[in-house]
Amino acid sequence: MRVNQDYHKKANDLDARLGGDQQDGFEAELSTFGRDGVVLGPIVGAFGEMLSHVDLLADVIADALTVEHLPYYGDRGSKTVKAYYRWVLYRAWGLTAHRGWARLMLDRRSLVQAPNAPRD
């Protein structure tokens, strides 16, 4: 994925410019995160579609929220609580994505509108 490639390219560029090496450079530090340094990019499309990395991120966050809040939900089961938190995350992220897209469309419309035209 391009996000991962860009992060590693930037880390290599910083190492080359600032003198980092395999043991203590930016690339070495980046490689300690995740699975072998793979950077996940939560990319959302124009119509609210999300890449699979968003699913992985939602799963990790829902796991953490489930562990934190499971005592409050009693005997409902961890799968039910996790499903609830995944639903909450997707709902919030979807709304944010659509609001961002709407804001972009409104901003573009105001840019191409004639200067003296009414804005209603």
PDB file of N, CA and C in Angstrom:
ATOM      1  N   MET A   1       0.836  -1.182   0.000  1.00  0.00           N
ATOM      2  CA  MET A   1       0.000   0.000   0.000  1.00  0.00           C
ATOM      3  C   MET A   1       0.881   1.245   0.000  1.00  0.00           C
ATOM      4  N   ARG A   2       0.384   2.268  -0.583  1.00  0.00           N
ATOM      5  CA  ARG A   2       1.182   3.475  -0.777  1.00  0.00           C
ATOM      6  C   ARG A   2       1.519   4.178   0.539  1.00  0.00           C
ATOM      7  N   VAL A   3       0.626   4.148   1.512  1.00  0.00           N
ATOM      8  CA  VAL A   3       0.901   4.791   2.800  1.00  0.00           C
ATOM      9  C   VAL A   3       2.140   4.168   3.428  1.00  0.00           C
ATOM     10  N   ASN A   4       2.193   2.849   3.431  1.00  0.00           N
ATOM     11  CA  ASN A   4       3.335   2.143   3.999  1.00  0.00           C
ATOM     12  C   ASN A   4       4.621   2.501   3.257  1.00  0.00           C
ATOM     13  N   GLN A   5       4.566   2.503   1.926  1.00  0.00           N
ATOM     14  CA  GLN A   5       5.746   2.844   1.125  1.00  0.00           C
ATOM     15  C   GLN A   5       6.210   4.268   1.403  1.00  0.00           C
ATOM     16  N   ASP A   6       5.271   5.199   1.500  1.00  0.00           N
ATOM     17  CA  ASP A   6       5.635   6.596   1.749  1.00  0.00           C
ATOM     18  C   ASP A   6       6.296   6.779   3.118  1.00  0.00           C
ATOM     19  N   TYR A   7       5.760   6.103   4.136  1.00  0.00           N
ATOM     20  CA  TYR A   7       6.357   6.209   5.470  1.00  0.00           C
ATOM     21  C   TYR A   7       7.786   5.681   5.469  1.00  0.00           C
ATOM     22  N   HIS A   8       7.993   4.521   4.846  1.00  0.00           N
ATOM     23  CA  HIS A   8       9.329   3.939   4.843  1.00  0.00           C
ATOM     24  C   HIS A   8      10.297   4.753   3.978  1.00  0.00           C
ATOM     25  N   LYS A   9       9.816   5.329   2.897  1.00  0.00           N
ATOM     26  CA  LYS A   9      10.666   6.186   2.073  1.00  0.00           C
ATOM     27  C   LYS A   9      11.095   7.422   2.860  1.00  0.00           C
ATOM     28  N   LYS A  10      10.158   8.017   3.583  1.00  0.00           N
ATOM     29  CA  LYS A  10      10.470   9.199   4.393  1.00  0.00           C
ATOM     30  C   LYS A  10      11.472   8.842   5.495  1.00  0.00           C
ATOM     31  N   ALA A  11      11.286   7.678   6.127  1.00  0.00           N
ATOM     32  CA  ALA A  11      12.220   7.249   7.170  1.00  0.00           C
ATOM     33  C   ALA A  11      13.616   7.050   6.589  1.00  0.00           C
ATOM     34  N   ASN A  12      13.715   6.427   5.416  1.00  0.00           N
ATOM     35  CA  ASN A  12      15.019   6.243   4.772  1.00  0.00           C
ATOM     36  C   ASN A  12      15.652   7.571   4.396  1.00  0.00           C
ATOM     37  N   ASP A  13      14.834   8.514   3.899  1.00  0.00           N
ATOM     38  CA  ASP A  13      15.352   9.842   3.556  1.00  0.00           C
ATOM     39  C   ASP A  13      15.893  10.560   4.788  1.00  0.00           C
ATOM     40  N   LEU A  14      15.178  10.461   5.902  1.00  0.00           N
ATOM     41  CA  LEU A  14      15.643  11.091   7.142  1.00  0.00           C
ATOM     42  C   LEU A  14      16.935  10.443   7.638  1.00  0.00           C
ATOM     43  N   ASP A  15      17.009   9.119   7.536  1.00  0.00           N
ATOM     44  CA  ASP A  15      18.247   8.437   7.935  1.00  0.00           C
ATOM     45  C   ASP A  15      19.425   8.890   7.080  1.00  0.00           C
ATOM     46  N   ALA A  16      19.193   9.006   5.773  1.00  0.00           N
ATOM     47  CA  ALA A  16      20.266   9.432   4.879  1.00  0.00           C
ATOM     48  C   ALA A  16      20.685  10.869   5.163  1.00  0.00           C
ATOM     49  N   ARG A  17      19.729  11.723   5.453  1.00  0.00           N
ATOM     50  CA  ARG A  17      20.030  13.130   5.688  1.00  0.00           C
ATOM     51  C   ARG A  17      20.638  13.380   7.065  1.00  0.00           C
ATOM     52  N   LEU A  18      20.168  12.642   8.081  1.00  0.00           N
ATOM     53  CA  LEU A  18      20.603  12.913   9.449  1.00  0.00           C
ATOM     54  C   LEU A  18      21.603  11.892   9.985  1.00  0.00           C
ATOM     55  N   GLY A  19      21.960  10.909   9.155  1.00  0.00           N
ATOM     56  CA  GLY A  19      22.998   9.967   9.563  1.00  0.00           C
ATOM     57  C   GLY A  19      22.525   8.818  10.425  1.00  0.00           C
ATOM     58  N   GLY A  20      21.282   8.413  10.325  1.00  0.00           N
ATOM     59  CA  GLY A  20      20.808   7.255  11.077  1.00  0.00           C
ATOM     60  C   GLY A  20      21.317   5.961  10.472  1.00  0.00           C
ATOM     61  N   ASP A  21      21.344   4.908  11.282  1.00  0.00           N
ATOM     62  CA  ASP A  21      21.790   3.617  10.757  1.00  0.00           C
ATOM     63  C   ASP A  21      20.769   2.529  11.090  1.00  0.00           C
ATOM     64  N   GLN A  22      21.140   1.273  10.857  1.00  0.00           N
ATOM     65  CA  GLN A  22      20.222   0.146  11.026  1.00  0.00           C
ATOM     66  C   GLN A  22      19.795  -0.047  12.479  1.00  0.00           C
ATOM     67  N   GLN A  23      20.613   0.371  13.454  1.00  0.00           N
ATOM     68  CA  GLN A  23      20.292   0.125  14.854  1.00  0.00           C
ATOM     69  C   GLN A  23      19.510   1.256  15.510  1.00  0.00           C
ATOM     70  N   ASP A  24      19.759   2.503  15.115  1.00  0.00           N
ATOM     71  CA  ASP A  24      19.110   3.601  15.831  1.00  0.00           C
ATOM     72  C   ASP A  24      18.503   4.659  14.909  1.00  0.00           C
ATOM     73  N   GLY A  25      18.275   4.334  13.673  1.00  0.00           N
ATOM     74  CA  GLY A  25      17.714   5.307  12.743  1.00  0.00           C
ATOM     75  C   GLY A  25      16.191   5.300  12.747  1.00  0.00           C
ATOM     76  N   PHE A  26      15.625   6.163  11.930  1.00  0.00           N
ATOM     77  CA  PHE A  26      14.172   6.262  11.811  1.00  0.00           C
ATOM     78  C   PHE A  26      13.576   4.977  11.245  1.00  0.00           C
ATOM     79  N   GLU A  27      14.237   4.393  10.259  1.00  0.00           N
ATOM     80  CA  GLU A  27      13.745   3.145   9.665  1.00  0.00           C
ATOM     81  C   GLU A  27      13.749   2.018  10.691  1.00  0.00           C
ATOM     82  N   ALA A  28      14.791   1.952  11.510  1.00  0.00           N
ATOM     83  CA  ALA A  28      14.855   0.923  12.551  1.00  0.00           C
ATOM     84  C   ALA A  28      13.722   1.097  13.556  1.00  0.00           C
ATOM     85  N   GLU A  29      13.451   2.327  13.939  1.00  0.00           N
ATOM     86  CA  GLU A  29      12.360   2.592  14.888  1.00  0.00           C
ATOM     87  C   GLU A  29      11.002   2.278  14.265  1.00  0.00           C
ATOM     88  N   LEU A  30      10.813   2.654  13.011  1.00  0.00           N
ATOM     89  CA  LEU A  30       9.550   2.387  12.325  1.00  0.00           C
ATOM     90  C   LEU A  30       9.297   0.888  12.207  1.00  0.00           C
ATOM     91  N   SER A  31      10.346   0.115  12.032  1.00  0.00           N
ATOM     92  CA  SER A  31      10.212  -1.332  11.883  1.00  0.00           C
ATOM     93  C   SER A  31       9.819  -2.031  13.177  1.00  0.00           C
ATOM     94  N   THR A  32       9.889  -1.342  14.309  1.00  0.00           N
ATOM     95  CA  THR A  32       9.489  -1.956  15.578  1.00  0.00           C
ATOM     96  C   THR A  32       7.986  -1.913  15.788  1.00  0.00           C
ATOM     97  N   PHE A  33       7.258  -1.132  15.009  1.00  0.00           N
ATOM     98  CA  PHE A  33       5.816  -0.991  15.186  1.00  0.00           C
ATOM     99  C   PHE A  33       5.051  -2.027  14.373  1.00  0.00           C
ATOM    100  N   GLY A  34       3.898  -2.427  14.873  1.00  0.00           N
ATOM    101  CA  GLY A  34       2.998  -3.305  14.133  1.00  0.00           C
ATOM    102  C   GLY A  34       3.639  -4.621  13.765  1.00  0.00           C
ATOM    103  N   ARG A  35       3.279  -5.109  12.615  1.00  0.00           N
ATOM    104  CA  ARG A  35       3.846  -6.357  12.099  1.00  0.00           C
ATOM    105  C   ARG A  35       4.964  -6.020  11.126  1.00  0.00           C
ATOM    106  N   ASP A  36       6.175  -6.118  11.598  1.00  0.00           N
ATOM    107  CA  ASP A  36       7.370  -5.836  10.774  1.00  0.00           C
ATOM    108  C   ASP A  36       7.355  -4.428  10.195  1.00  0.00           C
ATOM    109  N   GLY A  37       6.841  -3.476  10.942  1.00  0.00           N
ATOM    110  CA  GLY A  37       6.873  -2.085  10.524  1.00  0.00           C
ATOM    111  C   GLY A  37       5.884  -1.698   9.455  1.00  0.00           C
ATOM    112  N   VAL A  38       4.840  -2.486   9.254  1.00  0.00           N
ATOM    113  CA  VAL A  38       3.832  -2.145   8.251  1.00  0.00           C
ATOM    114  C   VAL A  38       2.945  -1.034   8.810  1.00  0.00           C
ATOM    115  N   VAL A  39       2.869   0.075   8.096  1.00  0.00           N
ATOM    116  CA  VAL A  39       2.080   1.224   8.514  1.00  0.00           C
ATOM    117  C   VAL A  39       0.689   1.112   7.901  1.00  0.00           C
ATOM    118  N   LEU A  40      -0.326   1.154   8.740  1.00  0.00           N
ATOM    119  CA  LEU A  40      -1.702   1.081   8.264  1.00  0.00           C
ATOM    120  C   LEU A  40      -2.231   2.487   8.043  1.00  0.00           C
ATOM    121  N   GLY A  41      -2.871   2.701   6.918  1.00  0.00           N
ATOM    122  CA  GLY A  41      -3.432   4.006   6.602  1.00  0.00           C
ATOM    123  C   GLY A  41      -4.949   3.944   6.540  1.00  0.00           C
ATOM    124  N   PRO A  42      -5.625   4.584   7.478  1.00  0.00           N
ATOM    125  CA  PRO A  42      -7.092   4.569   7.449  1.00  0.00           C
ATOM    126  C   PRO A  42      -7.622   5.503   6.362  1.00  0.00           C
ATOM    127  N   ILE A  43      -7.757   4.989   5.154  1.00  0.00           N
ATOM    128  CA  ILE A  43      -8.164   5.793   4.009  1.00  0.00           C
ATOM    129  C   ILE A  43      -9.663   5.640   3.782  1.00  0.00           C
ATOM    130  N   VAL A  44     -10.331   6.786   3.638  1.00  0.00           N
ATOM    131  CA  VAL A  44     -11.773   6.800   3.401  1.00  0.00           C
ATOM    132  C   VAL A  44     -12.020   7.461   2.056  1.00  0.00           C
ATOM    133  N   GLY A  45     -12.857   6.828   1.243  1.00  0.00           N
ATOM    134  CA  GLY A  45     -13.148   7.338  -0.089  1.00  0.00           C
ATOM    135  C   GLY A  45     -14.209   8.422  -0.088  1.00  0.00           C
ATOM    136  N   ALA A  46     -14.481   8.942  -1.259  1.00  0.00           N
ATOM    137  CA  ALA A  46     -15.401  10.063  -1.415  1.00  0.00           C
ATOM    138  C   ALA A  46     -16.834   9.715  -1.022  1.00  0.00           C
ATOM    139  N   PHE A  47     -17.211   8.467  -1.141  1.00  0.00           N
ATOM    140  CA  PHE A  47     -18.580   8.073  -0.829  1.00  0.00           C
ATOM    141  C   PHE A  47     -18.676   7.294   0.473  1.00  0.00           C
ATOM    142  N   GLY A  48     -17.678   7.434   1.326  1.00  0.00           N
ATOM    143  CA  GLY A  48     -17.695   6.796   2.629  1.00  0.00           C
ATOM    144  C   GLY A  48     -17.138   5.385   2.639  1.00  0.00           C
ATOM    145  N   GLU A  49     -16.648   4.890   1.503  1.00  0.00           N
ATOM    146  CA  GLU A  49     -16.057   3.553   1.489  1.00  0.00           C
ATOM    147  C   GLU A  49     -14.700   3.598   2.191  1.00  0.00           C
ATOM    148  N   MET A  50     -14.375   2.503   2.872  1.00  0.00           N
ATOM    149  CA  MET A  50     -13.159   2.462   3.665  1.00  0.00           C
ATOM    150  C   MET A  50     -12.333   1.245   3.280  1.00  0.00           C
ATOM    151  N   LEU A  51     -11.014   1.409   3.298  1.00  0.00           N
ATOM    152  CA  LEU A  51     -10.118   0.290   3.013  1.00  0.00           C
ATOM    153  C   LEU A  51     -10.110  -0.701   4.171  1.00  0.00           C
ATOM    154  N   SER A  52      -9.556  -1.871   3.920  1.00  0.00           N
ATOM    155  CA  SER A  52      -9.529  -2.918   4.945  1.00  0.00           C
ATOM    156  C   SER A  52      -8.701  -2.518   6.160  1.00  0.00           C
ATOM    157  N   HIS A  53      -7.785  -1.576   6.011  1.00  0.00           N
ATOM    158  CA  HIS A  53      -7.017  -1.119   7.169  1.00  0.00           C
ATOM    159  C   HIS A  53      -7.913  -0.478   8.210  1.00  0.00           C
ATOM    160  N   VAL A  54      -8.995   0.129   7.776  1.00  0.00           N
ATOM    161  CA  VAL A  54      -9.942   0.723   8.722  1.00  0.00           C
ATOM    162  C   VAL A  54     -10.604  -0.386   9.542  1.00  0.00           C
ATOM    163  N   ASP A  55     -10.869  -1.534   8.907  1.00  0.00           N
ATOM    164  CA  ASP A  55     -11.426  -2.671   9.644  1.00  0.00           C
ATOM    165  C   ASP A  55     -10.470  -3.144  10.731  1.00  0.00           C
ATOM    166  N   LEU A  56      -9.183  -3.227  10.398  1.00  0.00           N
ATOM    167  CA  LEU A  56      -8.189  -3.652  11.382  1.00  0.00           C
ATOM    168  C   LEU A  56      -8.102  -2.668  12.542  1.00  0.00           C
ATOM    169  N   LEU A  57      -8.123  -1.389  12.218  1.00  0.00           N
ATOM    170  CA  LEU A  57      -8.069  -0.359  13.243  1.00  0.00           C
ATOM    171  C   LEU A  57      -9.312  -0.400  14.130  1.00  0.00           C
ATOM    172  N   ALA A  58     -10.478  -0.553  13.524  1.00  0.00           N
ATOM    173  CA  ALA A  58     -11.723  -0.644  14.294  1.00  0.00           C
ATOM    174  C   ALA A  58     -11.711  -1.873  15.196  1.00  0.00           C
ATOM    175  N   ASP A  59     -11.158  -2.971  14.707  1.00  0.00           N
ATOM    176  CA  ASP A  59     -11.105  -4.194  15.497  1.00  0.00           C
ATOM    177  C   ASP A  59     -10.232  -4.017  16.732  1.00  0.00           C
ATOM    178  N   VAL A  60      -9.082  -3.376  16.566  1.00  0.00           N
ATOM    179  CA  VAL A  60      -8.185  -3.147  17.695  1.00  0.00           C
ATOM    180  C   VAL A  60      -8.831  -2.219  18.723  1.00  0.00           C
ATOM    181  N   ILE A  61      -9.455  -1.147  18.256  1.00  0.00           N
ATOM    182  CA  ILE A  61     -10.093  -0.195  19.168  1.00  0.00           C
ATOM    183  C   ILE A  61     -11.278  -0.845  19.872  1.00  0.00           C
ATOM    184  N   ALA A  62     -12.078  -1.630  19.134  1.00  0.00           N
ATOM    185  CA  ALA A  62     -13.228  -2.309  19.741  1.00  0.00           C
ATOM    186  C   ALA A  62     -12.774  -3.322  20.786  1.00  0.00           C
ATOM    187  N   ASP A  63     -11.669  -4.008  20.535  1.00  0.00           N
ATOM    188  CA  ASP A  63     -11.119  -4.931  21.545  1.00  0.00           C
ATOM    189  C   ASP A  63     -10.785  -4.188  22.833  1.00  0.00           C
ATOM    190  N   ALA A  64     -10.097  -3.060  22.695  1.00  0.00           N
ATOM    191  CA  ALA A  64      -9.699  -2.285  23.871  1.00  0.00           C
ATOM    192  C   ALA A  64     -10.922  -1.760  24.627  1.00  0.00           C
ATOM    193  N   LEU A  65     -11.905  -1.259  23.897  1.00  0.00           N
ATOM    194  CA  LEU A  65     -13.116  -0.754  24.542  1.00  0.00           C
ATOM    195  C   LEU A  65     -13.903  -1.874  25.209  1.00  0.00           C
ATOM    196  N   THR A  66     -13.906  -3.052  24.601  1.00  0.00           N
ATOM    197  CA  THR A  66     -14.603  -4.195  25.184  1.00  0.00           C
ATOM    198  C   THR A  66     -13.971  -4.600  26.509  1.00  0.00           C
ATOM    199  N   VAL A  67     -12.657  -4.690  26.535  1.00  0.00           N
ATOM    200  CA  VAL A  67     -11.964  -5.057  27.774  1.00  0.00           C
ATOM    201  C   VAL A  67     -12.230  -4.019  28.853  1.00  0.00           C
ATOM    202  N   GLU A  68     -12.233  -2.759  28.450  1.00  0.00           N
ATOM    203  CA  GLU A  68     -12.427  -1.679  29.425  1.00  0.00           C
ATOM    204  C   GLU A  68     -13.841  -1.638  29.982  1.00  0.00           C
ATOM    205  N   HIS A  69     -14.843  -1.911  29.138  1.00  0.00           N
ATOM    206  CA  HIS A  69     -16.236  -1.719  29.556  1.00  0.00           C
ATOM    207  C   HIS A  69     -17.019  -3.001  29.799  1.00  0.00           C
ATOM    208  N   LEU A  70     -16.427  -4.152  29.605  1.00  0.00           N
ATOM    209  CA  LEU A  70     -17.153  -5.407  29.764  1.00  0.00           C
ATOM    210  C   LEU A  70     -17.772  -5.579  31.151  1.00  0.00           C
ATOM    211  N   PRO A  71     -17.113  -5.171  32.235  1.00  0.00           N
ATOM    212  CA  PRO A  71     -17.749  -5.327  33.546  1.00  0.00           C
ATOM    213  C   PRO A  71     -19.084  -4.567  33.677  1.00  0.00           C
ATOM    214  N   TYR A  72     -19.255  -3.484  32.932  1.00  0.00           N
ATOM    215  CA  TYR A  72     -20.490  -2.702  33.021  1.00  0.00           C
ATOM    216  C   TYR A  72     -21.660  -3.375  32.306  1.00  0.00           C
ATOM    217  N   TYR A  73     -21.359  -4.253  31.336  1.00  0.00           N
ATOM    218  CA  TYR A  73     -22.421  -4.867  30.544  1.00  0.00           C
ATOM    219  C   TYR A  73     -22.857  -6.223  31.079  1.00  0.00           C
ATOM    220  N   GLY A  74     -22.254  -6.695  32.120  1.00  0.00           N
ATOM    221  CA  GLY A  74     -22.681  -7.923  32.766  1.00  0.00           C
ATOM    222  C   GLY A  74     -22.491  -9.154  31.912  1.00  0.00           C
ATOM    223  N   ASP A  75     -23.528  -9.953  31.787  1.00  0.00           N
ATOM    224  CA  ASP A  75     -23.421 -11.259  31.145  1.00  0.00           C
ATOM    225  C   ASP A  75     -23.803 -11.237  29.667  1.00  0.00           C
ATOM    226  N   ARG A  76     -23.728 -10.120  29.005  1.00  0.00           N
ATOM    227  CA  ARG A  76     -24.102 -10.062  27.587  1.00  0.00           C
ATOM    228  C   ARG A  76     -23.082 -10.741  26.679  1.00  0.00           C
ATOM    229  N   GLY A  77     -21.869 -10.922  27.129  1.00  0.00           N
ATOM    230  CA  GLY A  77     -20.844 -11.593  26.339  1.00  0.00           C
ATOM    231  C   GLY A  77     -19.943 -10.614  25.618  1.00  0.00           C
ATOM    232  N   SER A  78     -18.700 -10.991  25.497  1.00  0.00           N
ATOM    233  CA  SER A  78     -17.725 -10.084  24.906  1.00  0.00           C
ATOM    234  C   SER A  78     -17.962  -9.880  23.411  1.00  0.00           C
ATOM    235  N   LYS A  79     -18.484 -10.892  22.707  1.00  0.00           N
ATOM    236  CA  LYS A  79     -18.729 -10.726  21.265  1.00  0.00           C
ATOM    237  C   LYS A  79     -19.807  -9.682  21.013  1.00  0.00           C
ATOM    238  N   THR A  80     -20.831  -9.675  21.829  1.00  0.00           N
ATOM    239  CA  THR A  80     -21.905  -8.698  21.675  1.00  0.00           C
ATOM    240  C   THR A  80     -21.410  -7.289  21.977  1.00  0.00           C
ATOM    241  N   VAL A  81     -20.623  -7.157  23.029  1.00  0.00           N
ATOM    242  CA  VAL A  81     -20.092  -5.840  23.407  1.00  0.00           C
ATOM    243  C   VAL A  81     -19.126  -5.335  22.341  1.00  0.00           C
ATOM    244  N   LYS A  82     -18.281  -6.221  21.820  1.00  0.00           N
ATOM    245  CA  LYS A  82     -17.345  -5.825  20.767  1.00  0.00           C
ATOM    246  C   LYS A  82     -18.097  -5.412  19.507  1.00  0.00           C
ATOM    247  N   ALA A  83     -19.132  -6.140  19.142  1.00  0.00           N
ATOM    248  CA  ALA A  83     -19.931  -5.779  17.968  1.00  0.00           C
ATOM    249  C   ALA A  83     -20.570  -4.408  18.153  1.00  0.00           C
ATOM    250  N   TYR A  84     -21.034  -4.130  19.361  1.00  0.00           N
ATOM    251  CA  TYR A  84     -21.616  -2.817  19.641  1.00  0.00           C
ATOM    252  C   TYR A  84     -20.587  -1.713  19.431  1.00  0.00           C
ATOM    253  N   TYR A  85     -19.383  -1.893  19.951  1.00  0.00           N
ATOM    254  CA  TYR A  85     -18.366  -0.848  19.816  1.00  0.00           C
ATOM    255  C   TYR A  85     -17.889  -0.703  18.373  1.00  0.00           C
ATOM    256  N   ARG A  86     -17.828  -1.797  17.624  1.00  0.00           N
ATOM    257  CA  ARG A  86     -17.494  -1.674  16.193  1.00  0.00           C
ATOM    258  C   ARG A  86     -18.569  -0.864  15.477  1.00  0.00           C
ATOM    259  N   TRP A  87     -19.823  -1.114  15.808  1.00  0.00           N
ATOM    260  CA  TRP A  87     -20.930  -0.366  15.206  1.00  0.00           C
ATOM    261  C   TRP A  87     -20.816   1.119  15.544  1.00  0.00           C
ATOM    262  N   VAL A  88     -20.505   1.433  16.786  1.00  0.00           N
ATOM    263  CA  VAL A  88     -20.357   2.832  17.211  1.00  0.00           C
ATOM    264  C   VAL A  88     -19.222   3.499  16.431  1.00  0.00           C
ATOM    265  N   LEU A  89     -18.102   2.799  16.289  1.00  0.00           N
ATOM    266  CA  LEU A  89     -16.962   3.372  15.555  1.00  0.00           C
ATOM    267  C   LEU A  89     -17.304   3.616  14.093  1.00  0.00           C
ATOM    268  N   TYR A  90     -17.887   2.622  13.429  1.00  0.00           N
ATOM    269  CA  TYR A  90     -18.236   2.792  12.016  1.00  0.00           C
ATOM    270  C   TYR A  90     -19.265   3.894  11.821  1.00  0.00           C
ATOM    271  N   ARG A  91     -20.172   4.004  12.731  1.00  0.00           N
ATOM    272  CA  ARG A  91     -21.183   5.065  12.633  1.00  0.00           C
ATOM    273  C   ARG A  91     -20.531   6.442  12.736  1.00  0.00           C
ATOM    274  N   ALA A  92     -19.650   6.605  13.709  1.00  0.00           N
ATOM    275  CA  ALA A  92     -18.976   7.895  13.898  1.00  0.00           C
ATOM    276  C   ALA A  92     -18.042   8.198  12.723  1.00  0.00           C
ATOM    277  N   TRP A  93     -17.281   7.209  12.292  1.00  0.00           N
ATOM    278  CA  TRP A  93     -16.342   7.435  11.184  1.00  0.00           C
ATOM    279  C   TRP A  93     -17.086   7.689   9.880  1.00  0.00           C
ATOM    280  N   GLY A  94     -18.166   6.976   9.649  1.00  0.00           N
ATOM    281  CA  GLY A  94     -18.956   7.192   8.435  1.00  0.00           C
ATOM    282  C   GLY A  94     -19.555   8.586   8.400  1.00  0.00           C
ATOM    283  N   LEU A  95     -20.095   9.019   9.528  1.00  0.00           N
ATOM    284  CA  LEU A  95     -20.652  10.371   9.603  1.00  0.00           C
ATOM    285  C   LEU A  95     -19.574  11.413   9.356  1.00  0.00           C
ATOM    286  N   THR A  96     -18.419  11.217   9.945  1.00  0.00           N
ATOM    287  CA  THR A  96     -17.312  12.159   9.758  1.00  0.00           C
ATOM    288  C   THR A  96     -16.871  12.199   8.296  1.00  0.00           C
ATOM    289  N   ALA A  97     -16.795  11.037   7.657  1.00  0.00           N
ATOM    290  CA  ALA A  97     -16.393  10.978   6.250  1.00  0.00           C
ATOM    291  C   ALA A  97     -17.402  11.714   5.368  1.00  0.00           C
ATOM    292  N   HIS A  98     -18.677  11.487   5.599  1.00  0.00           N
ATOM    293  CA  HIS A  98     -19.699  12.145   4.781  1.00  0.00           C
ATOM    294  C   HIS A  98     -19.763  13.646   5.040  1.00  0.00           C
ATOM    295  N   ARG A  99     -19.577  14.054   6.282  1.00  0.00           N
ATOM    296  CA  ARG A  99     -19.555  15.488   6.581  1.00  0.00           C
ATOM    297  C   ARG A  99     -18.354  16.161   5.918  1.00  0.00           C
ATOM    298  N   GLY A 100     -17.211  15.472   5.930  1.00  0.00           N
ATOM    299  CA  GLY A 100     -16.025  16.022   5.273  1.00  0.00           C
ATOM    300  C   GLY A 100     -16.223  16.160   3.779  1.00  0.00           C
ATOM    301  N   TRP A 101     -16.851  15.150   3.161  1.00  0.00           N
ATOM    302  CA  TRP A 101     -17.123  15.200   1.730  1.00  0.00           C
ATOM    303  C   TRP A 101     -18.108  16.334   1.415  1.00  0.00           C
ATOM    304  N   ALA A 102     -19.135  16.480   2.226  1.00  0.00           N
ATOM    305  CA  ALA A 102     -20.108  17.559   2.009  1.00  0.00           C
ATOM    306  C   ALA A 102     -19.438  18.925   2.150  1.00  0.00           C
ATOM    307  N   ARG A 103     -18.565  19.073   3.136  1.00  0.00           N
ATOM    308  CA  ARG A 103     -17.854  20.344   3.329  1.00  0.00           C
ATOM    309  C   ARG A 103     -16.982  20.641   2.113  1.00  0.00           C
ATOM    310  N   LEU A 104     -16.310  19.632   1.584  1.00  0.00           N
ATOM    311  CA  LEU A 104     -15.482  19.817   0.400  1.00  0.00           C
ATOM    312  C   LEU A 104     -16.324  20.257  -0.790  1.00  0.00           C
ATOM    313  N   MET A 105     -17.472  19.636  -0.983  1.00  0.00           N
ATOM    314  CA  MET A 105     -18.343  19.999  -2.102  1.00  0.00           C
ATOM    315  C   MET A 105     -18.870  21.429  -1.948  1.00  0.00           C
ATOM    316  N   LEU A 106     -19.229  21.809  -0.746  1.00  0.00           N
ATOM    317  CA  LEU A 106     -19.702  23.172  -0.518  1.00  0.00           C
ATOM    318  C   LEU A 106     -18.586  24.189  -0.753  1.00  0.00           C
ATOM    319  N   ASP A 107     -17.392  23.857  -0.320  1.00  0.00           N
ATOM    320  CA  ASP A 107     -16.268  24.768  -0.533  1.00  0.00           C
ATOM    321  C   ASP A 107     -15.950  24.908  -2.016  1.00  0.00           C
ATOM    322  N   ARG A 108     -15.996  23.813  -2.742  1.00  0.00           N
ATOM    323  CA  ARG A 108     -15.734  23.880  -4.185  1.00  0.00           C
ATOM    324  C   ARG A 108     -16.801  24.704  -4.886  1.00  0.00           C
ATOM    325  N   ARG A 109     -18.037  24.549  -4.482  1.00  0.00           N
ATOM    326  CA  ARG A 109     -19.140  25.289  -5.097  1.00  0.00           C
ATOM    327  C   ARG A 109     -18.945  26.792  -4.893  1.00  0.00           C
ATOM    328  N   SER A 110     -18.508  27.178  -3.697  1.00  0.00           N
ATOM    329  CA  SER A 110     -18.308  28.603  -3.443  1.00  0.00           C
ATOM    330  C   SER A 110     -17.117  29.147  -4.236  1.00  0.00           C
ATOM    331  N   LEU A 111     -16.172  28.296  -4.593  1.00  0.00           N
ATOM    332  CA  LEU A 111     -15.020  28.753  -5.359  1.00  0.00           C
ATOM    333  C   LEU A 111     -15.360  29.011  -6.822  1.00  0.00           C
ATOM    334  N   VAL A 112     -16.274  28.213  -7.379  1.00  0.00           N
ATOM    335  CA  VAL A 112     -16.573  28.354  -8.797  1.00  0.00           C
ATOM    336  C   VAL A 112     -17.785  29.232  -9.061  1.00  0.00           C
ATOM    337  N   GLN A 113     -18.428  29.680  -8.026  1.00  0.00           N
ATOM    338  CA  GLN A 113     -19.605  30.522  -8.193  1.00  0.00           C
ATOM    339  C   GLN A 113     -19.192  31.922  -8.655  1.00  0.00           C
ATOM    340  N   ALA A 114     -20.029  32.539  -9.446  1.00  0.00           N
ATOM    341  CA  ALA A 114     -19.753  33.897  -9.920  1.00  0.00           C
ATOM    342  C   ALA A 114     -19.699  34.850  -8.714  1.00  0.00           C
ATOM    343  N   PRO A 115     -18.800  35.826  -8.734  1.00  0.00           N
ATOM    344  CA  PRO A 115     -18.608  36.693  -7.570  1.00  0.00           C
ATOM    345  C   PRO A 115     -19.858  37.449  -7.152  1.00  0.00           C
ATOM    346  N   ASN A 116     -20.688  37.867  -8.088  1.00  0.00           N
ATOM    347  CA  ASN A 116     -21.866  38.672  -7.731  1.00  0.00           C
ATOM    348  C   ASN A 116     -23.163  37.865  -7.701  1.00  0.00           C
ATOM    349  N   ALA A 117     -23.068  36.559  -7.859  1.00  0.00           N
ATOM    350  CA  ALA A 117     -24.277  35.717  -7.855  1.00  0.00           C
ATOM    351  C   ALA A 117     -24.792  35.543  -6.431  1.00  0.00           C
ATOM    352  N   PRO A 118     -26.115  35.454  -6.279  1.00  0.00           N
ATOM    353  CA  PRO A 118     -26.670  35.205  -4.931  1.00  0.00           C
ATOM    354  C   PRO A 118     -26.250  33.820  -4.437  1.00  0.00           C
ATOM    355  N   ARG A 119     -26.055  33.682  -3.138  1.00  0.00           N
ATOM    356  CA  ARG A 119     -25.569  32.419  -2.563  1.00  0.00           C
ATOM    357  C   ARG A 119     -26.655  31.652  -1.822  1.00  0.00           C
ATOM    358  N   ASP A 120     -27.863  31.649  -2.342  1.00  0.00           N
ATOM    359  CA  ASP A 120     -28.919  30.907  -1.669  1.00  0.00           C
ATOM    360  C   ASP A 120     -29.310  29.693  -2.392  1.00  0.00           C
TER     361      ASP A 120
END
